[in-house]
Amino acid sequence: MLVKDWMTPAPLTVAQDKPVLEALRLLREHKFRRLPVVDGAKLVGIVTDKDLKDAMPSKATTLSVWEMNYLLSKLTVKEVMAHPVRTTTSDDTLENAALEMQAHKVAGLPVLDGAGALVGILTITDVLGALIQVLGLKEGGVRLTIDLPDVPGALEKTTEAIKPSNIASLATAGLEGGRRQVVLRATGEGADTAAERLRSSGINVLDAQ
């Protein structure tokens, strides 16, 4: 899976010289949490709703409403945005982008094309959407968690034992002590008894639901 298949294309942007109040208005109006910041056509930063709210005067301020509005009208996005920006590319894998987001604790990555132009934005919501599809959560059937030795042929034994059901999705959940937990979704004929067939073949079924 590639980033370009899951990103939000042609994202809404804000110019770096815009007042923070304008950026906040855009976020609220479109119900977004972040905006790429541009200088002309060049990506120069990213600003989140938290960045903008943190720039607002405290409720305990002694400034008058007129003074606050005046100061906020002078405060630009450039002064509160995060930069340099963590980015990904449209042809990168979704896995690499997810690792980048986790490593740097960011919930969104602007997406650039091969020429460095902004073409999209990838968010945690997009990654979760991909995860839902990969795990086949909308396909019904029975979700099975099995414990397998990390040896050649272990998965082949599983696919044979689960017949006549189909495996709609399959993912491993790490390696520990020479064994792997495998999460799969059985659909179609005999899916409701797939766990019994696996157990009869000597496969350790940890969970079926």
C-alpha atoms as a PDB file:
ATOM      1  CA  MET A   1       0.000   0.000   0.000  1.00  0.00           C
ATOM      2  CA  LEU A   2       1.285   3.395  -0.987  1.00  0.00           C
ATOM      3  CA  VAL A   3       0.719   6.757   0.666  1.00  0.00           C
ATOM      4  CA  LYS A   4      -0.991   8.127  -2.462  1.00  0.00           C
ATOM      5  CA  ASP A   5      -3.732   5.498  -2.120  1.00  0.00           C
ATOM      6  CA  TRP A   6      -4.725   6.668   1.381  1.00  0.00           C
ATOM      7  CA  MET A   7      -3.812  10.341   1.672  1.00  0.00           C
ATOM      8  CA  THR A   8      -6.250  13.237   1.428  1.00  0.00           C
ATOM      9  CA  PRO A   9      -5.317  14.857  -1.910  1.00  0.00           C
ATOM     10  CA  ALA A  10      -5.088  18.591  -2.613  1.00  0.00           C
ATOM     11  CA  PRO A  11      -5.189  19.607   1.052  1.00  0.00           C
ATOM     12  CA  LEU A  12      -6.381  22.958   2.286  1.00  0.00           C
ATOM     13  CA  THR A  13      -3.399  25.209   3.071  1.00  0.00           C
ATOM     14  CA  VAL A  14      -2.753  28.534   4.737  1.00  0.00           C
ATOM     15  CA  ALA A  15      -0.189  31.166   3.819  1.00  0.00           C
ATOM     16  CA  GLN A  16       2.502  31.853   6.402  1.00  0.00           C
ATOM     17  CA  ASP A  17       1.673  35.569   6.508  1.00  0.00           C
ATOM     18  CA  LYS A  18      -2.001  35.023   7.388  1.00  0.00           C
ATOM     19  CA  PRO A  19      -3.201  36.009  10.893  1.00  0.00           C
ATOM     20  CA  VAL A  20      -3.662  33.105  13.308  1.00  0.00           C
ATOM     21  CA  LEU A  21      -7.352  34.019  13.570  1.00  0.00           C
ATOM     22  CA  GLU A  22      -7.765  33.309   9.851  1.00  0.00           C
ATOM     23  CA  ALA A  23      -6.077  29.907  10.206  1.00  0.00           C
ATOM     24  CA  LEU A  24      -8.243  29.064  13.209  1.00  0.00           C
ATOM     25  CA  ARG A  25     -11.342  30.019  11.231  1.00  0.00           C
ATOM     26  CA  LEU A  26     -10.324  27.704   8.397  1.00  0.00           C
ATOM     27  CA  LEU A  27      -9.786  24.782  10.766  1.00  0.00           C
ATOM     28  CA  ARG A  28     -13.134  25.253  12.462  1.00  0.00           C
ATOM     29  CA  GLU A  29     -15.005  25.821   9.198  1.00  0.00           C
ATOM     30  CA  HIS A  30     -13.649  22.669   7.560  1.00  0.00           C
ATOM     31  CA  LYS A  31     -13.372  20.614  10.786  1.00  0.00           C
ATOM     32  CA  PHE A  32      -9.671  19.917  10.299  1.00  0.00           C
ATOM     33  CA  ARG A  33      -6.984  19.635  12.967  1.00  0.00           C
ATOM     34  CA  ARG A  34      -3.970  20.771  10.960  1.00  0.00           C
ATOM     35  CA  LEU A  35      -3.044  22.894   7.980  1.00  0.00           C
ATOM     36  CA  PRO A  36       0.096  22.780   5.833  1.00  0.00           C
ATOM     37  CA  VAL A  37       1.647  26.250   5.720  1.00  0.00           C
ATOM     38  CA  VAL A  38       2.905  27.571   2.405  1.00  0.00           C
ATOM     39  CA  ASP A  39       4.962  30.440   1.102  1.00  0.00           C
ATOM     40  CA  GLY A  40       3.665  30.739  -2.439  1.00  0.00           C
ATOM     41  CA  ALA A  41       3.817  27.151  -3.715  1.00  0.00           C
ATOM     42  CA  LYS A  42       6.499  26.064  -1.240  1.00  0.00           C
ATOM     43  CA  LEU A  43       5.696  24.080   1.908  1.00  0.00           C
ATOM     44  CA  VAL A  44       7.316  25.852   4.866  1.00  0.00           C
ATOM     45  CA  GLY A  45       5.538  24.503   7.952  1.00  0.00           C
ATOM     46  CA  ILE A  46       2.463  22.961   9.505  1.00  0.00           C
ATOM     47  CA  VAL A  47       0.104  24.393  12.083  1.00  0.00           C
ATOM     48  CA  THR A  48      -2.377  22.540  14.293  1.00  0.00           C
ATOM     49  CA  ASP A  49      -5.457  23.650  16.168  1.00  0.00           C
ATOM     50  CA  LYS A  50      -3.454  23.277  19.395  1.00  0.00           C
ATOM     51  CA  ASP A  51      -0.705  25.584  18.090  1.00  0.00           C
ATOM     52  CA  LEU A  52      -3.308  28.216  17.300  1.00  0.00           C
ATOM     53  CA  LYS A  53      -5.227  27.868  20.550  1.00  0.00           C
ATOM     54  CA  ASP A  54      -1.988  28.064  22.542  1.00  0.00           C
ATOM     55  CA  ALA A  55      -1.326  31.405  20.842  1.00  0.00           C
ATOM     56  CA  MET A  56      -4.574  32.825  22.165  1.00  0.00           C
ATOM     57  CA  PRO A  57      -4.337  35.117  25.224  1.00  0.00           C
ATOM     58  CA  SER A  58      -5.091  33.521  28.576  1.00  0.00           C
ATOM     59  CA  LYS A  59      -8.570  34.033  30.020  1.00  0.00           C
ATOM     60  CA  ALA A  60      -6.797  35.632  32.960  1.00  0.00           C
ATOM     61  CA  THR A  61      -5.335  38.384  30.794  1.00  0.00           C
ATOM     62  CA  THR A  62      -5.885  41.997  31.786  1.00  0.00           C
ATOM     63  CA  LEU A  63      -5.937  43.108  28.142  1.00  0.00           C
ATOM     64  CA  SER A  64      -9.121  44.626  26.799  1.00  0.00           C
ATOM     65  CA  VAL A  65     -11.015  42.970  23.955  1.00  0.00           C
ATOM     66  CA  TRP A  66      -9.769  45.698  21.622  1.00  0.00           C
ATOM     67  CA  GLU A  67      -6.159  45.099  22.669  1.00  0.00           C
ATOM     68  CA  MET A  68      -6.469  41.323  22.266  1.00  0.00           C
ATOM     69  CA  ASN A  69      -7.998  41.621  18.799  1.00  0.00           C
ATOM     70  CA  TYR A  70      -5.313  44.076  17.769  1.00  0.00           C
ATOM     71  CA  LEU A  71      -2.495  41.793  18.942  1.00  0.00           C
ATOM     72  CA  LEU A  72      -4.058  38.724  17.335  1.00  0.00           C
ATOM     73  CA  SER A  73      -4.489  40.546  14.056  1.00  0.00           C
ATOM     74  CA  LYS A  74      -0.720  41.129  14.046  1.00  0.00           C
ATOM     75  CA  LEU A  75       0.242  37.541  15.029  1.00  0.00           C
ATOM     76  CA  THR A  76       0.889  35.499  11.890  1.00  0.00           C
ATOM     77  CA  VAL A  77       0.843  31.777  11.223  1.00  0.00           C
ATOM     78  CA  LYS A  78       4.601  31.892  10.604  1.00  0.00           C
ATOM     79  CA  GLU A  79       5.162  32.778  14.268  1.00  0.00           C
ATOM     80  CA  VAL A  80       3.323  29.737  15.647  1.00  0.00           C
ATOM     81  CA  MET A  81       3.783  27.028  12.984  1.00  0.00           C
ATOM     82  CA  ALA A  82       6.035  23.989  13.396  1.00  0.00           C
ATOM     83  CA  HIS A  83       9.057  23.909  11.109  1.00  0.00           C
ATOM     84  CA  PRO A  84      10.981  22.273   9.533  1.00  0.00           C
ATOM     85  CA  VAL A  85       8.193  19.886   8.539  1.00  0.00           C
ATOM     86  CA  ARG A  86       8.199  16.094   8.734  1.00  0.00           C
ATOM     87  CA  THR A  87       6.926  14.920   5.349  1.00  0.00           C
ATOM     88  CA  THR A  88       6.389  11.779   3.315  1.00  0.00           C
ATOM     89  CA  THR A  89       6.152  11.181  -0.420  1.00  0.00           C
ATOM     90  CA  SER A  90       3.216   9.948  -2.457  1.00  0.00           C
ATOM     91  CA  ASP A  91       5.158   6.883  -3.624  1.00  0.00           C
ATOM     92  CA  ASP A  92       6.374   5.887  -0.154  1.00  0.00           C
ATOM     93  CA  THR A  93       4.774   2.900   1.541  1.00  0.00           C
ATOM     94  CA  LEU A  94       2.087   3.469   4.123  1.00  0.00           C
ATOM     95  CA  GLU A  95       4.135   1.387   6.558  1.00  0.00           C
ATOM     96  CA  ASN A  96       7.115   3.735   6.321  1.00  0.00           C
ATOM     97  CA  ALA A  97       4.888   6.762   6.802  1.00  0.00           C
ATOM     98  CA  ALA A  98       3.268   5.172   9.872  1.00  0.00           C
ATOM     99  CA  LEU A  99       6.707   4.461  11.359  1.00  0.00           C
ATOM    100  CA  GLU A 100       7.693   8.101  10.746  1.00  0.00           C
ATOM    101  CA  MET A 101       4.545   9.325  12.486  1.00  0.00           C
ATOM    102  CA  GLN A 102       5.140   7.058  15.472  1.00  0.00           C
ATOM    103  CA  ALA A 103       8.856   7.833  15.755  1.00  0.00           C
ATOM    104  CA  HIS A 104       8.311  11.593  15.777  1.00  0.00           C
ATOM    105  CA  LYS A 105       4.940  11.590  17.568  1.00  0.00           C
ATOM    106  CA  VAL A 106       3.102  13.478  14.837  1.00  0.00           C
ATOM    107  CA  ALA A 107      -0.498  12.855  13.798  1.00  0.00           C
ATOM    108  CA  GLY A 108      -0.194  14.103  10.232  1.00  0.00           C
ATOM    109  CA  LEU A 109       2.373  14.282   7.438  1.00  0.00           C
ATOM    110  CA  PRO A 110       2.225  16.566   4.396  1.00  0.00           C
ATOM    111  CA  VAL A 111       2.732  14.494   1.240  1.00  0.00           C
ATOM    112  CA  LEU A 112       5.089  15.643  -1.527  1.00  0.00           C
ATOM    113  CA  ASP A 113       5.458  14.385  -5.079  1.00  0.00           C
ATOM    114  CA  GLY A 114       8.755  13.601  -6.785  1.00  0.00           C
ATOM    115  CA  ALA A 115       9.302  17.270  -7.586  1.00  0.00           C
ATOM    116  CA  GLY A 116       8.728  18.347  -3.975  1.00  0.00           C
ATOM    117  CA  ALA A 117       5.272  19.842  -4.566  1.00  0.00           C
ATOM    118  CA  LEU A 118       2.566  19.431  -1.921  1.00  0.00           C
ATOM    119  CA  VAL A 119      -0.018  16.943  -3.215  1.00  0.00           C
ATOM    120  CA  GLY A 120      -1.743  15.654  -0.079  1.00  0.00           C
ATOM    121  CA  ILE A 121      -1.758  15.077   3.647  1.00  0.00           C
ATOM    122  CA  LEU A 122      -1.710  11.760   5.502  1.00  0.00           C
ATOM    123  CA  THR A 123      -3.250  11.615   8.976  1.00  0.00           C
ATOM    124  CA  ILE A 124      -3.751   9.072  11.736  1.00  0.00           C
ATOM    125  CA  THR A 125      -7.356   8.712  10.544  1.00  0.00           C
ATOM    126  CA  ASP A 126      -6.103   7.685   7.086  1.00  0.00           C
ATOM    127  CA  VAL A 127      -3.743   5.098   8.598  1.00  0.00           C
ATOM    128  CA  LEU A 128      -6.568   3.680  10.720  1.00  0.00           C
ATOM    129  CA  GLY A 129      -8.721   3.408   7.598  1.00  0.00           C
ATOM    130  CA  ALA A 130      -5.995   1.342   5.944  1.00  0.00           C
ATOM    131  CA  LEU A 131      -5.672  -0.865   9.021  1.00  0.00           C
ATOM    132  CA  ILE A 132      -9.422  -1.530   9.004  1.00  0.00           C
ATOM    133  CA  GLN A 133      -9.225  -2.637   5.375  1.00  0.00           C
ATOM    134  CA  VAL A 134      -6.118  -4.782   5.850  1.00  0.00           C
ATOM    135  CA  LEU A 135      -7.725  -6.620   8.772  1.00  0.00           C
ATOM    136  CA  GLY A 136     -10.948  -7.094   6.849  1.00  0.00           C
ATOM    137  CA  LEU A 137     -13.058  -5.671   9.655  1.00  0.00           C
ATOM    138  CA  LYS A 138     -15.956  -4.842   7.342  1.00  0.00           C
ATOM    139  CA  GLU A 139     -16.036  -8.258   5.679  1.00  0.00           C
ATOM    140  CA  GLY A 140     -17.699 -10.121   8.536  1.00  0.00           C
ATOM    141  CA  GLY A 141     -16.732 -13.727   9.215  1.00  0.00           C
ATOM    142  CA  VAL A 142     -14.837 -14.952  12.261  1.00  0.00           C
ATOM    143  CA  ARG A 143     -11.707 -13.332  13.686  1.00  0.00           C
ATOM    144  CA  LEU A 144      -9.188 -15.923  14.873  1.00  0.00           C
ATOM    145  CA  THR A 145      -5.972 -15.446  16.830  1.00  0.00           C
ATOM    146  CA  ILE A 146      -3.640 -18.419  16.603  1.00  0.00           C
ATOM    147  CA  ASP A 147      -0.219 -19.194  18.019  1.00  0.00           C
ATOM    148  CA  LEU A 148       2.248 -20.647  15.501  1.00  0.00           C
ATOM    149  CA  PRO A 149       5.904 -21.671  15.606  1.00  0.00           C
ATOM    150  CA  ASP A 150       8.049 -19.359  13.495  1.00  0.00           C
ATOM    151  CA  VAL A 151       9.099 -22.080  11.074  1.00  0.00           C
ATOM    152  CA  PRO A 152       8.565 -22.672   7.338  1.00  0.00           C
ATOM    153  CA  GLY A 153       5.307 -24.459   6.587  1.00  0.00           C
ATOM    154  CA  ALA A 154       3.424 -23.389   9.723  1.00  0.00           C
ATOM    155  CA  LEU A 155       1.197 -21.026   7.796  1.00  0.00           C
ATOM    156  CA  GLU A 156       0.620 -23.570   5.029  1.00  0.00           C
ATOM    157  CA  LYS A 157      -0.727 -26.001   7.622  1.00  0.00           C
ATOM    158  CA  THR A 158      -3.131 -23.291   8.785  1.00  0.00           C
ATOM    159  CA  THR A 159      -4.449 -22.516   5.302  1.00  0.00           C
ATOM    160  CA  GLU A 160      -5.080 -26.207   4.661  1.00  0.00           C
ATOM    161  CA  ALA A 161      -6.845 -26.759   7.983  1.00  0.00           C
ATOM    162  CA  ILE A 162      -9.175 -23.803   7.576  1.00  0.00           C
ATOM    163  CA  LYS A 163     -10.690 -25.044   4.303  1.00  0.00           C
ATOM    164  CA  PRO A 164     -13.422 -24.820   3.003  1.00  0.00           C
ATOM    165  CA  SER A 165     -13.452 -21.336   4.554  1.00  0.00           C
ATOM    166  CA  ASN A 166     -11.619 -18.484   2.899  1.00  0.00           C
ATOM    167  CA  ILE A 167      -8.986 -16.302   4.590  1.00  0.00           C
ATOM    168  CA  ALA A 168     -10.075 -12.705   3.968  1.00  0.00           C
ATOM    169  CA  SER A 169      -7.175 -11.135   5.870  1.00  0.00           C
ATOM    170  CA  LEU A 170      -4.069 -12.214   7.752  1.00  0.00           C
ATOM    171  CA  ALA A 171      -1.507 -10.393   9.884  1.00  0.00           C
ATOM    172  CA  THR A 172       1.186 -11.392  12.333  1.00  0.00           C
ATOM    173  CA  ALA A 173       1.531  -9.740  15.715  1.00  0.00           C
ATOM    174  CA  GLY A 174       5.242 -10.028  16.427  1.00  0.00           C
ATOM    175  CA  LEU A 175       7.815 -12.668  17.296  1.00  0.00           C
ATOM    176  CA  GLU A 176       8.525 -13.926  20.804  1.00  0.00           C
ATOM    177  CA  GLY A 177      10.262 -17.117  21.929  1.00  0.00           C
ATOM    178  CA  GLY A 178      10.350 -18.517  18.425  1.00  0.00           C
ATOM    179  CA  ARG A 179       6.575 -18.201  17.993  1.00  0.00           C
ATOM    180  CA  ARG A 180       4.218 -15.765  16.320  1.00  0.00           C
ATOM    181  CA  GLN A 181       0.649 -14.764  16.993  1.00  0.00           C
ATOM    182  CA  VAL A 182      -1.323 -14.659  13.769  1.00  0.00           C
ATOM    183  CA  VAL A 183      -4.622 -12.832  13.419  1.00  0.00           C
ATOM    184  CA  LEU A 184      -6.787 -13.961  10.524  1.00  0.00           C
ATOM    185  CA  ARG A 185     -10.383 -13.562   9.391  1.00  0.00           C
ATOM    186  CA  ALA A 186     -12.207 -16.617   8.082  1.00  0.00           C
ATOM    187  CA  THR A 187     -15.179 -16.001   5.784  1.00  0.00           C
ATOM    188  CA  GLY A 188     -17.489 -18.063   3.633  1.00  0.00           C
ATOM    189  CA  GLU A 189     -18.405 -21.706   4.022  1.00  0.00           C
ATOM    190  CA  GLY A 190     -17.745 -23.191   7.449  1.00  0.00           C
ATOM    191  CA  ALA A 191     -16.370 -19.981   8.944  1.00  0.00           C
ATOM    192  CA  ASP A 192     -18.288 -20.555  12.194  1.00  0.00           C
ATOM    193  CA  THR A 193     -16.494 -23.877  12.733  1.00  0.00           C
ATOM    194  CA  ALA A 194     -13.056 -22.811  11.474  1.00  0.00           C
ATOM    195  CA  ALA A 195     -11.643 -22.703  15.019  1.00  0.00           C
ATOM    196  CA  GLU A 196     -12.656 -26.333  15.594  1.00  0.00           C
ATOM    197  CA  ARG A 197     -10.908 -27.484  12.419  1.00  0.00           C
ATOM    198  CA  LEU A 198      -7.749 -25.618  13.350  1.00  0.00           C
ATOM    199  CA  ARG A 199      -7.684 -27.149  16.818  1.00  0.00           C
ATOM    200  CA  SER A 200      -8.270 -30.607  15.324  1.00  0.00           C
ATOM    201  CA  SER A 201      -5.144 -30.074  13.215  1.00  0.00           C
ATOM    202  CA  GLY A 202      -3.081 -29.330  16.322  1.00  0.00           C
ATOM    203  CA  ILE A 203      -3.050 -25.554  15.885  1.00  0.00           C
ATOM    204  CA  ASN A 204      -3.297 -23.491  19.068  1.00  0.00           C
ATOM    205  CA  VAL A 205      -6.303 -21.170  18.727  1.00  0.00           C
ATOM    206  CA  LEU A 206      -6.059 -18.412  21.339  1.00  0.00           C
ATOM    207  CA  ASP A 207      -9.256 -16.569  20.492  1.00  0.00           C
ATOM    208  CA  ALA A 208     -12.212 -16.810  18.127  1.00  0.00           C
ATOM    209  CA  GLN A 209     -14.905 -14.134  17.772  1.00  0.00           C
END
